[in-house]
Amino acid sequence: MATLFAILAFVSIGTAVVLTMMIVNEISRRGVKVNFFLLRLYIPKYIHQYRQLTLKETGKVGPLYCPCVGSYLLALVFAVAYLIFK
C-alpha cells in the first residue's frame, strides 16, 4: 500500500512540474520577466501572477491554475499517506 502512495506522489509531482512550466511559459509570453536562475524559489509567485493575469484578462482563473495547485496538494496528501502506511 505504501508503494502505491509513493508512486502516486511522484506522478503528482511530475504533473505539477509540467503544469508549472506551462504557467511560467504563459506568464513569460504575457510580458512578465521570469528569473530562471531562482525559478524554484519563485514558483509560488509565478503561479499567483498567472492567476491574477488571467483573472484580469478574462474574469476567470486560467485553465492551468487549478490542476497545478491540485497536483501539488495531491502530492502532499500522497506523501503523508506514504509516511503513515510505511
N, C-alpha and C. Protein backbone atom coordinates (compact mmCIF):
# COMPACT_ATOMS: atom_id res chain seq x y z
N MET A 1 0.82 -1.19 0.00
CA MET A 1 0.00 0.00 0.00
C MET A 1 0.87 1.26 0.00
N ALA A 2 1.95 1.22 0.77
CA ALA A 2 2.83 2.38 0.85
C ALA A 2 3.48 2.66 -0.51
N THR A 3 3.80 1.59 -1.25
CA THR A 3 4.43 1.76 -2.56
C THR A 3 3.47 2.48 -3.51
N LEU A 4 2.21 2.15 -3.44
CA LEU A 4 1.21 2.80 -4.29
C LEU A 4 1.16 4.30 -4.00
N PHE A 5 1.16 4.67 -2.72
CA PHE A 5 1.13 6.09 -2.36
C PHE A 5 2.39 6.80 -2.81
N ALA A 6 3.53 6.14 -2.75
CA ALA A 6 4.78 6.74 -3.21
C ALA A 6 4.73 6.98 -4.72
N ILE A 7 4.24 6.01 -5.46
CA ILE A 7 4.13 6.17 -6.92
C ILE A 7 3.17 7.30 -7.26
N LEU A 8 2.03 7.36 -6.58
CA LEU A 8 1.06 8.42 -6.83
C LEU A 8 1.64 9.80 -6.48
N ALA A 9 2.43 9.86 -5.42
CA ALA A 9 3.07 11.13 -5.06
C ALA A 9 4.04 11.58 -6.15
N PHE A 10 4.83 10.66 -6.68
CA PHE A 10 5.77 11.02 -7.74
C PHE A 10 5.06 11.43 -9.03
N VAL A 11 3.97 10.75 -9.34
CA VAL A 11 3.20 11.12 -10.53
C VAL A 11 2.59 12.52 -10.35
N SER A 12 2.10 12.80 -9.16
CA SER A 12 1.52 14.11 -8.89
C SER A 12 2.58 15.21 -8.98
N ILE A 13 3.76 14.94 -8.47
CA ILE A 13 4.85 15.93 -8.55
C ILE A 13 5.24 16.14 -10.01
N GLY A 14 5.32 15.08 -10.78
CA GLY A 14 5.65 15.21 -12.20
C GLY A 14 4.62 16.06 -12.94
N THR A 15 3.36 15.80 -12.66
CA THR A 15 2.29 16.59 -13.27
C THR A 15 2.37 18.05 -12.85
N ALA A 16 2.65 18.29 -11.58
CA ALA A 16 2.75 19.65 -11.09
C ALA A 16 3.91 20.39 -11.74
N VAL A 17 5.03 19.72 -11.93
CA VAL A 17 6.19 20.36 -12.56
C VAL A 17 5.88 20.73 -14.01
N VAL A 18 5.23 19.83 -14.73
CA VAL A 18 4.88 20.12 -16.12
C VAL A 18 3.91 21.30 -16.19
N LEU A 19 2.90 21.31 -15.33
CA LEU A 19 1.94 22.41 -15.33
C LEU A 19 2.59 23.72 -14.91
N THR A 20 3.53 23.66 -13.97
CA THR A 20 4.23 24.87 -13.55
C THR A 20 5.06 25.44 -14.69
N MET A 21 5.72 24.58 -15.45
CA MET A 21 6.50 25.08 -16.59
C MET A 21 5.59 25.69 -17.65
N MET A 22 4.40 25.13 -17.82
CA MET A 22 3.44 25.71 -18.75
C MET A 22 2.98 27.09 -18.26
N ILE A 23 2.78 27.23 -16.95
CA ILE A 23 2.38 28.52 -16.38
C ILE A 23 3.50 29.54 -16.55
N VAL A 24 4.73 29.13 -16.30
CA VAL A 24 5.87 30.04 -16.47
C VAL A 24 5.97 30.49 -17.92
N ASN A 25 5.74 29.58 -18.84
CA ASN A 25 5.75 29.95 -20.27
C ASN A 25 4.65 30.95 -20.58
N GLU A 26 3.46 30.74 -20.03
CA GLU A 26 2.34 31.65 -20.30
C GLU A 26 2.60 33.05 -19.75
N ILE A 27 3.11 33.16 -18.52
CA ILE A 27 3.34 34.50 -17.98
C ILE A 27 4.52 35.17 -18.67
N SER A 28 5.47 34.38 -19.13
CA SER A 28 6.59 34.95 -19.88
C SER A 28 6.08 35.53 -21.20
N ARG A 29 5.15 34.84 -21.83
CA ARG A 29 4.54 35.31 -23.08
C ARG A 29 3.76 36.60 -22.88
N ARG A 30 3.23 36.77 -21.68
CA ARG A 30 2.43 37.97 -21.39
C ARG A 30 3.29 39.14 -20.92
N GLY A 31 4.60 38.99 -20.93
CA GLY A 31 5.48 40.11 -20.63
C GLY A 31 6.05 40.15 -19.23
N VAL A 32 5.77 39.16 -18.40
CA VAL A 32 6.34 39.12 -17.06
C VAL A 32 7.77 38.61 -17.16
N LYS A 33 8.68 39.30 -16.52
CA LYS A 33 10.09 38.90 -16.55
C LYS A 33 10.26 37.70 -15.61
N VAL A 34 10.79 36.60 -16.14
CA VAL A 34 10.96 35.37 -15.38
C VAL A 34 12.44 35.20 -15.04
N ASN A 35 12.72 34.98 -13.77
CA ASN A 35 14.09 34.75 -13.31
C ASN A 35 14.34 33.24 -13.30
N PHE A 36 15.02 32.74 -14.34
CA PHE A 36 15.23 31.31 -14.44
C PHE A 36 16.29 30.80 -13.47
N PHE A 37 17.15 31.68 -13.01
CA PHE A 37 18.18 31.28 -12.06
C PHE A 37 17.57 30.92 -10.70
N LEU A 38 16.58 31.68 -10.27
CA LEU A 38 15.91 31.43 -8.99
C LEU A 38 14.49 30.90 -9.17
N LEU A 39 14.27 30.16 -10.24
CA LEU A 39 12.93 29.71 -10.59
C LEU A 39 12.28 28.89 -9.48
N ARG A 40 13.05 28.03 -8.85
CA ARG A 40 12.47 27.17 -7.82
C ARG A 40 11.95 27.96 -6.62
N LEU A 41 12.56 29.09 -6.35
CA LEU A 41 12.09 29.93 -5.25
C LEU A 41 10.86 30.75 -5.62
N TYR A 42 10.74 31.09 -6.90
CA TYR A 42 9.68 31.97 -7.36
C TYR A 42 8.46 31.24 -7.90
N ILE A 43 8.41 29.93 -7.83
CA ILE A 43 7.27 29.19 -8.37
C ILE A 43 5.94 29.66 -7.77
N PRO A 44 5.81 29.78 -6.44
CA PRO A 44 4.52 30.25 -5.91
C PRO A 44 4.16 31.65 -6.41
N LYS A 45 5.16 32.52 -6.55
CA LYS A 45 4.91 33.87 -7.05
C LYS A 45 4.40 33.83 -8.48
N TYR A 46 4.99 33.01 -9.32
CA TYR A 46 4.58 32.94 -10.72
C TYR A 46 3.19 32.32 -10.87
N ILE A 47 2.88 31.33 -10.05
CA ILE A 47 1.54 30.74 -10.09
C ILE A 47 0.51 31.79 -9.69
N HIS A 48 0.82 32.58 -8.67
CA HIS A 48 -0.09 33.64 -8.24
C HIS A 48 -0.23 34.72 -9.31
N GLN A 49 0.87 35.08 -9.96
CA GLN A 49 0.80 36.07 -11.04
C GLN A 49 -0.04 35.56 -12.21
N TYR A 50 0.09 34.27 -12.51
CA TYR A 50 -0.74 33.69 -13.58
C TYR A 50 -2.22 33.81 -13.23
N ARG A 51 -2.55 33.52 -11.99
CA ARG A 51 -3.94 33.64 -11.55
C ARG A 51 -4.43 35.07 -11.70
N GLN A 52 -3.62 36.04 -11.25
CA GLN A 52 -4.02 37.44 -11.34
C GLN A 52 -4.15 37.90 -12.79
N LEU A 53 -3.19 37.52 -13.64
CA LEU A 53 -3.24 37.93 -15.04
C LEU A 53 -4.47 37.39 -15.75
N THR A 54 -4.76 36.11 -15.54
CA THR A 54 -5.91 35.53 -16.24
C THR A 54 -7.23 36.07 -15.69
N LEU A 55 -7.27 36.35 -14.38
CA LEU A 55 -8.49 36.96 -13.83
C LEU A 55 -8.71 38.34 -14.42
N LYS A 56 -7.63 39.09 -14.59
CA LYS A 56 -7.74 40.44 -15.14
C LYS A 56 -8.14 40.40 -16.62
N GLU A 57 -7.61 39.43 -17.36
CA GLU A 57 -7.89 39.36 -18.80
C GLU A 57 -9.29 38.85 -19.11
N THR A 58 -9.67 37.74 -18.47
CA THR A 58 -10.92 37.08 -18.84
C THR A 58 -12.00 37.11 -17.77
N GLY A 59 -11.64 37.45 -16.55
CA GLY A 59 -12.61 37.42 -15.47
C GLY A 59 -12.70 36.06 -14.80
N LYS A 60 -11.95 35.08 -15.31
CA LYS A 60 -11.92 33.73 -14.75
C LYS A 60 -10.47 33.34 -14.50
N VAL A 61 -10.30 32.37 -13.63
CA VAL A 61 -8.96 31.82 -13.40
C VAL A 61 -8.57 30.99 -14.61
N GLY A 62 -7.29 31.07 -15.00
CA GLY A 62 -6.81 30.34 -16.16
C GLY A 62 -6.94 28.83 -16.02
N PRO A 63 -6.93 28.12 -17.13
CA PRO A 63 -7.15 26.67 -17.09
C PRO A 63 -6.00 25.87 -16.49
N LEU A 64 -4.84 26.46 -16.32
CA LEU A 64 -3.72 25.72 -15.76
C LEU A 64 -3.62 25.86 -14.24
N TYR A 65 -4.32 26.84 -13.68
CA TYR A 65 -4.15 27.14 -12.26
C TYR A 65 -4.65 26.01 -11.34
N CYS A 66 -5.90 25.62 -11.50
CA CYS A 66 -6.48 24.62 -10.60
C CYS A 66 -5.79 23.26 -10.69
N PRO A 67 -5.50 22.74 -11.89
CA PRO A 67 -4.79 21.47 -11.94
C PRO A 67 -3.38 21.54 -11.32
N CYS A 68 -2.72 22.69 -11.48
CA CYS A 68 -1.38 22.83 -10.92
C CYS A 68 -1.42 22.81 -9.39
N VAL A 69 -2.27 23.63 -8.82
CA VAL A 69 -2.39 23.68 -7.36
C VAL A 69 -2.89 22.34 -6.83
N GLY A 70 -3.85 21.75 -7.53
CA GLY A 70 -4.37 20.44 -7.12
C GLY A 70 -3.30 19.36 -7.15
N SER A 71 -2.41 19.42 -8.13
CA SER A 71 -1.34 18.42 -8.22
C SER A 71 -0.39 18.54 -7.04
N TYR A 72 -0.06 19.78 -6.67
CA TYR A 72 0.81 19.97 -5.51
C TYR A 72 0.13 19.47 -4.23
N LEU A 73 -1.16 19.74 -4.09
CA LEU A 73 -1.88 19.29 -2.90
C LEU A 73 -2.00 17.76 -2.86
N LEU A 74 -2.28 17.15 -4.01
CA LEU A 74 -2.34 15.69 -4.06
C LEU A 74 -0.99 15.06 -3.74
N ALA A 75 0.07 15.66 -4.21
CA ALA A 75 1.41 15.14 -3.90
C ALA A 75 1.65 15.19 -2.40
N LEU A 76 1.23 16.26 -1.76
CA LEU A 76 1.39 16.37 -0.32
C LEU A 76 0.57 15.31 0.41
N VAL A 77 -0.67 15.13 -0.02
CA VAL A 77 -1.54 14.13 0.61
C VAL A 77 -0.98 12.72 0.43
N PHE A 78 -0.52 12.39 -0.77
CA PHE A 78 0.04 11.06 -1.02
C PHE A 78 1.33 10.85 -0.26
N ALA A 79 2.14 11.89 -0.12
CA ALA A 79 3.38 11.75 0.64
C ALA A 79 3.10 11.51 2.12
N VAL A 80 2.11 12.20 2.66
CA VAL A 80 1.75 11.99 4.07
C VAL A 80 1.16 10.58 4.23
N ALA A 81 0.34 10.16 3.29
CA ALA A 81 -0.22 8.79 3.35
C ALA A 81 0.88 7.75 3.27
N TYR A 82 1.89 8.00 2.44
CA TYR A 82 3.03 7.09 2.36
C TYR A 82 3.74 6.98 3.70
N LEU A 83 3.95 8.12 4.35
CA LEU A 83 4.64 8.10 5.64
C LEU A 83 3.81 7.41 6.72
N ILE A 84 2.50 7.54 6.64
CA ILE A 84 1.64 6.87 7.61
C ILE A 84 1.63 5.37 7.42
N PHE A 85 1.55 4.91 6.17
CA PHE A 85 1.44 3.48 5.89
C PHE A 85 2.77 2.77 5.82
N LYS A 86 3.85 3.50 5.87
CA LYS A 86 5.18 2.88 5.78
C LYS A 86 5.50 2.06 7.00
